[in-house]
Protein backbone atom coordinates (compact mmCIF):
# COMPACT_ATOMS: atom_id res chain seq x y z
CA MET A 1 -33.55 20.09 -10.31
CA LYS A 2 -30.35 20.53 -8.33
CA ALA A 3 -30.28 16.48 -8.60
CA ARG A 4 -30.51 16.17 -12.11
CA ASN A 5 -27.70 18.82 -12.80
CA LEU A 6 -25.26 16.85 -10.54
CA GLN A 7 -25.94 13.70 -11.87
CA LYS A 8 -23.56 13.79 -14.54
CA ASP A 9 -20.61 14.61 -12.45
CA TYR A 10 -21.82 12.36 -9.64
CA PRO A 11 -21.63 8.83 -11.00
CA ALA A 12 -23.26 5.91 -8.90
CA LEU A 13 -21.40 3.97 -6.95
CA GLY A 14 -20.13 1.01 -9.19
CA GLN A 15 -20.05 3.36 -12.56
CA PRO A 16 -16.59 4.66 -13.12
CA ILE A 17 -15.26 7.24 -10.66
CA GLU A 18 -12.00 9.02 -10.99
CA SER A 19 -10.10 12.13 -10.39
CA GLU A 20 -6.87 13.17 -12.16
CA ASN A 21 -4.63 10.57 -10.40
CA PHE A 22 -6.93 8.27 -8.60
CA VAL A 23 -9.80 6.09 -9.13
CA LEU A 24 -12.64 4.29 -7.08
CA VAL A 25 -13.21 0.59 -8.09
CA GLU A 26 -15.60 -1.87 -6.55
CA LEU A 27 -14.01 -5.08 -5.28
CA LYS A 28 -15.62 -8.61 -5.86
CA LEU A 29 -16.74 -10.32 -2.63
CA LYS A 30 -18.15 -13.33 -1.34
CA GLY A 31 -20.85 -12.96 1.16
CA LYS A 32 -23.46 -10.39 1.99
CA THR A 33 -22.92 -8.71 5.33
CA ILE A 34 -19.58 -6.95 5.71
CA GLU A 35 -18.06 -7.44 9.10
CA TYR A 36 -17.26 -4.60 11.56
CA PHE A 37 -13.97 -5.10 13.78
CA HIS A 38 -13.04 -3.46 17.10
CA GLY A 39 -9.71 -2.04 17.42
CA GLU A 40 -7.48 -0.26 19.75
CA TYR A 41 -5.35 1.99 17.10
CA GLY A 42 -7.29 4.96 17.27
CA SER A 43 -5.14 7.16 19.35
CA ASP A 44 -2.97 8.66 16.61
CA ARG A 45 -6.36 10.35 15.21
CA SER A 46 -7.21 12.50 18.59
CA GLN A 47 -4.84 15.46 17.16
CA GLU A 48 -6.03 15.03 13.56
CA LEU A 49 -9.95 15.36 14.75
CA ASP A 50 -9.15 18.11 17.24
CA THR A 51 -8.13 20.35 14.75
CA ALA A 52 -10.23 19.73 11.95
CA LEU A 53 -13.24 20.04 14.31
CA GLN A 54 -12.05 22.21 17.45
CA HIS A 55 -15.14 24.61 17.26
CA LEU A 56 -17.64 21.57 18.03
CA GLU A 57 -18.04 19.74 21.00
CA PRO A 58 -16.42 16.63 21.67
CA ALA A 59 -19.64 14.31 21.43
CA ARG A 60 -20.31 15.64 18.01
CA TYR A 61 -17.34 13.92 16.47
CA TRP A 62 -16.72 10.85 18.65
CA PRO A 63 -14.34 8.90 16.74
CA LYS A 64 -15.10 5.05 15.86
CA ASN A 65 -12.91 2.41 17.22
CA GLY A 66 -13.16 0.15 14.41
CA GLY A 67 -13.44 -0.53 10.83
CA PHE A 68 -13.66 -3.31 8.06
CA VAL A 69 -10.55 -3.85 6.29
CA HIS A 70 -7.47 -5.52 7.64
CA TYR A 71 -4.06 -4.94 6.11
CA ASP A 72 -1.56 -7.87 6.29
CA THR A 73 1.78 -6.36 6.81
CA VAL A 74 3.79 -9.51 6.07
CA LYS A 75 2.05 -10.32 2.86
CA ASN A 76 1.15 -7.15 1.56
CA GLN A 77 -2.45 -7.75 0.81
CA PHE A 78 -5.94 -6.74 2.52
CA MET A 79 -8.44 -8.86 4.10
CA ILE A 80 -12.38 -8.13 4.35
CA ALA A 81 -14.71 -10.40 6.23
CA THR A 82 -17.99 -11.34 5.42
CA ASN A 83 -21.03 -13.55 6.18
CA GLU A 84 -23.93 -15.06 4.63
CA TYR A 85 -26.78 -17.40 5.18
CA VAL A 86 -26.49 -20.47 2.88
CA LYS A 87 -27.44 -24.05 2.31
CA ASN A 88 -24.69 -26.31 4.43
CA VAL A 89 -24.64 -29.68 2.31
CA LYS A 90 -24.02 -31.61 5.19
CA ARG A 91 -27.27 -30.74 6.48
CA PRO A 92 -29.15 -30.55 3.51
CA GLU A 93 -32.70 -30.96 5.62
CA GLY A 94 -32.09 -28.26 7.77
CA LEU A 95 -32.29 -24.39 8.19
CA LEU A 96 -30.03 -22.08 6.04
CA ASP A 97 -26.40 -21.94 8.33
CA GLU A 98 -24.28 -18.63 8.74
CA GLN A 99 -20.95 -19.00 6.35
CA LYS A 100 -18.16 -16.76 7.12
CA ASN A 101 -15.77 -15.46 4.29
CA ILE A 102 -12.47 -13.79 4.12
CA CYS A 103 -11.73 -12.41 1.07
CA TYR A 104 -8.17 -11.42 0.02
CA PHE A 105 -7.26 -8.54 -2.48
CA ASP A 106 -3.75 -7.27 -3.35
CA GLU A 107 -3.02 -3.60 -3.36
CA SER A 108 -4.29 -3.08 -6.59
CA GLY A 109 -7.70 -4.69 -5.44
CA LYS A 110 -7.13 -7.94 -7.28
CA PRO A 111 -8.75 -10.96 -5.25
CA VAL A 112 -6.16 -13.44 -4.41
CA GLY A 113 -7.93 -15.83 -2.78
CA GLN A 114 -10.48 -16.58 0.10
CA ILE A 115 -11.05 -19.07 2.76
CA SER A 116 -14.81 -20.00 3.88
CA ASN A 117 -15.90 -22.01 6.87
CA PHE A 118 -19.24 -22.43 8.57
CA TYR A 119 -20.02 -20.21 11.80
CA SER A 120 -16.12 -19.47 12.48
CA ILE A 121 -12.84 -19.00 10.43
CA LYS A 122 -10.36 -21.42 11.99
CA GLN A 123 -7.18 -20.11 10.48
CA PRO A 124 -5.66 -17.29 12.24
CA TRP A 125 -5.95 -15.00 9.67
CA GLN A 126 -5.29 -11.57 11.72
CA ALA A 127 -2.27 -12.89 13.25
CA ASN A 128 -0.11 -10.26 10.96
CA SER A 129 -2.86 -7.60 10.39
CA VAL A 130 -3.26 -4.00 11.10
CA LEU A 131 -6.80 -2.65 11.17
CA MET A 132 -7.85 0.09 9.09
CA LEU A 133 -10.13 2.59 10.98
CA ASP A 134 -13.15 4.09 9.91
CA TYR A 135 -12.48 7.76 9.83
CA VAL A 136 -15.97 8.81 9.69
CA PRO A 137 -16.86 9.39 13.12
CA ASN A 138 -19.79 8.31 14.92
CA PHE A 139 -21.61 11.79 14.53
CA PRO A 140 -20.16 12.90 11.06
CA GLN A 141 -20.70 16.84 10.22
CA TRP A 142 -21.72 15.74 6.56
CA LYS A 143 -22.13 19.40 5.69
CA ASN A 144 -18.61 20.34 6.73
CA LYS A 145 -16.83 21.00 3.61
CA SER A 146 -13.45 20.75 4.78
CA ALA A 147 -14.15 16.94 5.89
CA GLU A 148 -12.63 13.95 3.98
CA LEU A 149 -16.21 12.98 3.11
CA TYR A 150 -18.73 15.69 2.36
CA LEU A 151 -21.97 15.48 1.64
CA LYS A 152 -22.94 18.19 -1.12
CA HIS A 153 -26.60 17.46 -1.78
CA PHE A 154 -29.36 15.20 -0.62
CA GLU A 155 -32.11 14.71 -2.99
CA ILE A 156 -35.52 13.67 -1.72
CA GLU A 157 -36.91 10.95 -3.13
CA HIS A 158 -39.61 9.52 -0.67
CA PHE A 159 -41.42 10.22 2.70
CA GLU A 160 -41.38 7.64 4.68
CA THR A 161 -45.08 7.25 6.29
CA TYR A 162 -43.75 4.62 9.28
CA TRP A 163 -41.80 7.76 10.72
CA LEU A 164 -45.30 8.79 11.67
CA THR A 165 -46.40 5.66 13.49
CA PRO A 166 -47.35 6.25 16.97
CA LEU A 167 -46.99 2.61 18.03
CA ARG A 168 -44.12 1.50 15.92
CA GLY A 169 -41.68 -0.39 18.28
CA MET A 170 -44.48 -1.42 20.78
CA GLY A 171 -43.45 -4.66 22.19
CA SER A 172 -39.76 -4.64 21.54
CA PRO A 173 -37.06 -4.69 24.30
CA ASN A 174 -35.08 -2.38 22.25
CA GLY A 175 -37.68 0.91 21.82
CA ALA A 176 -38.83 1.71 18.22
CA GLY A 177 -35.36 1.94 16.55
CA PRO A 178 -34.39 4.03 13.66
CA ALA A 179 -37.10 5.39 11.36
CA PRO A 180 -35.84 7.94 9.11
CA ALA A 181 -38.24 10.76 7.76
CA TRP A 182 -37.07 10.93 4.28
CA SER A 183 -34.97 8.40 1.85
CA GLY A 184 -33.21 9.39 -1.33
CA MET A 185 -29.98 9.73 -3.26
CA ALA A 186 -26.75 11.96 -1.52
CA TYR A 187 -24.31 13.34 -3.65
CA TYR A 188 -20.52 13.18 -2.07
CA ASP A 189 -17.09 14.73 -2.60
CA LEU A 190 -14.36 12.41 -1.30
CA HIS A 191 -11.22 14.53 -0.74
CA ILE A 192 -8.08 12.51 -1.10
CA ALA A 193 -4.35 14.07 -1.44
CA GLY A 194 -5.49 17.45 -2.67
CA GLU A 195 -8.19 15.78 -5.40
CA THR A 196 -11.81 15.09 -5.27
CA LEU A 197 -13.71 11.66 -6.43
CA ARG A 198 -17.45 12.67 -6.62
CA PHE A 199 -20.06 9.87 -6.17
CA ARG A 200 -23.69 9.50 -5.16
CA SER A 201 -25.23 6.89 -3.20
CA PRO A 202 -28.60 6.32 -1.30
CA ALA A 203 -29.33 7.54 1.85
CA THR A 204 -31.73 8.79 4.39
CA LYS A 205 -32.30 11.64 6.89
CA ASP A 206 -33.91 11.73 10.40
CA GLY A 207 -36.30 14.67 11.42
CA PHE A 208 -39.18 16.21 9.53
CA MET A 209 -37.97 20.11 8.93
CA PHE A 210 -35.23 21.11 11.21
CA LEU A 211 -31.94 19.12 10.89
CA GLU A 212 -28.50 18.62 12.06
CA SER A 213 -25.38 18.07 10.22
CA ASN A 214 -25.04 14.53 11.46
CA ASP A 215 -28.93 13.43 10.99
CA PHE A 216 -27.97 12.03 7.46
CA GLU A 217 -27.70 8.00 7.51
CA THR A 218 -25.09 7.33 4.76
CA GLU A 219 -24.24 3.57 5.67
CA LEU A 220 -20.93 4.71 4.34
CA ALA A 221 -17.49 4.12 5.98
CA TYR A 222 -14.05 5.32 4.82
CA CYS A 223 -11.04 3.17 6.01
CA LYS A 224 -7.71 4.10 5.21
CA PHE A 225 -4.14 3.93 6.92
CA PRO A 226 -3.49 5.93 9.95
CA ARG A 227 -1.86 9.44 9.02
CA LEU A 228 1.02 8.34 11.01
CA LEU A 229 2.28 5.72 7.93
CA LYS A 230 1.64 8.85 5.71
CA LYS A 231 0.00 6.99 2.98
CA ALA A 232 -3.16 8.30 1.29
CA ALA A 233 -3.83 5.18 -1.08
CA PRO A 234 -4.85 2.51 -1.24
CA ALA A 235 -8.30 3.45 1.15
CA PHE A 236 -11.75 1.74 1.27
CA LEU A 237 -15.20 3.01 0.71
CA ILE A 238 -17.15 0.73 2.44
CA TYR A 239 -21.27 0.75 1.61
CA GLY A 240 -23.02 -1.13 4.43
CA PRO A 241 -26.76 -1.02 4.36
CA ARG A 242 -28.83 -2.58 7.16
CA PHE A 243 -30.62 -4.64 4.85
CA GLY A 244 -29.21 -5.73 1.26
CA GLN A 245 -25.87 -6.43 -0.16
CA GLY A 246 -22.60 -5.14 1.22
CA ARG A 247 -20.38 -3.36 -1.25
CA ALA A 248 -16.27 -2.56 -0.97
CA PHE A 249 -14.45 0.08 -3.32
CA ILE A 250 -10.88 0.50 -3.29
CA ILE A 251 -9.32 3.95 -3.96
CA LYS A 252 -6.33 3.69 -5.94
CA HIS A 253 -3.69 5.41 -7.86
CA LYS A 254 -4.20 5.19 -11.46
């Protein structure tokens, strides 16, 4: 019942989502999986995290050191790398080959070009870029109302019986791997410059009964300029499911 009441105010990703001065719009990407890049630009976030989450032990909000979006400081455009498996016309008889793509967008989110190549991109596309870090930490406190991305409600839709299988992962060198107990729909408040963008998207949660605030798997990333640059928008919301189509959304001024 709570979820039904929230649905009218929390549109699904891809539907019109806006606040008074901001709008969240999906970008047109070529490719399926959005690539994650590691960077060394996270030092200016330490004080921000310590202030916001000082009551938590450090392991609970260990920040990420990378992101999905690059910003070209010379051309003033954003770049998102993706990959996909497609038929190579030079090897029509062979298996699918991995194709890399770089998708370019201007500051309004309009596509301004792309480059593609099998296996790797030859052009030095990162030469003048700054990596926009993912500000969702590795152990996010999803139920912290003061967080930039707050999980207001989780709607349980399915119990994943695979979670109870005692032999799952047997024979795998990496163990059983993640196996959430529940899947459903999560309802979020994204806070930006004193305003709130509300939306919903699929999510899962671990554990059967007693849950920690970081037990939700949302597959969301929130990439933005470092606070030192004092620029709230554009920012980017990335939805990157383990299996399925990756999606990117720009948060910009109306």
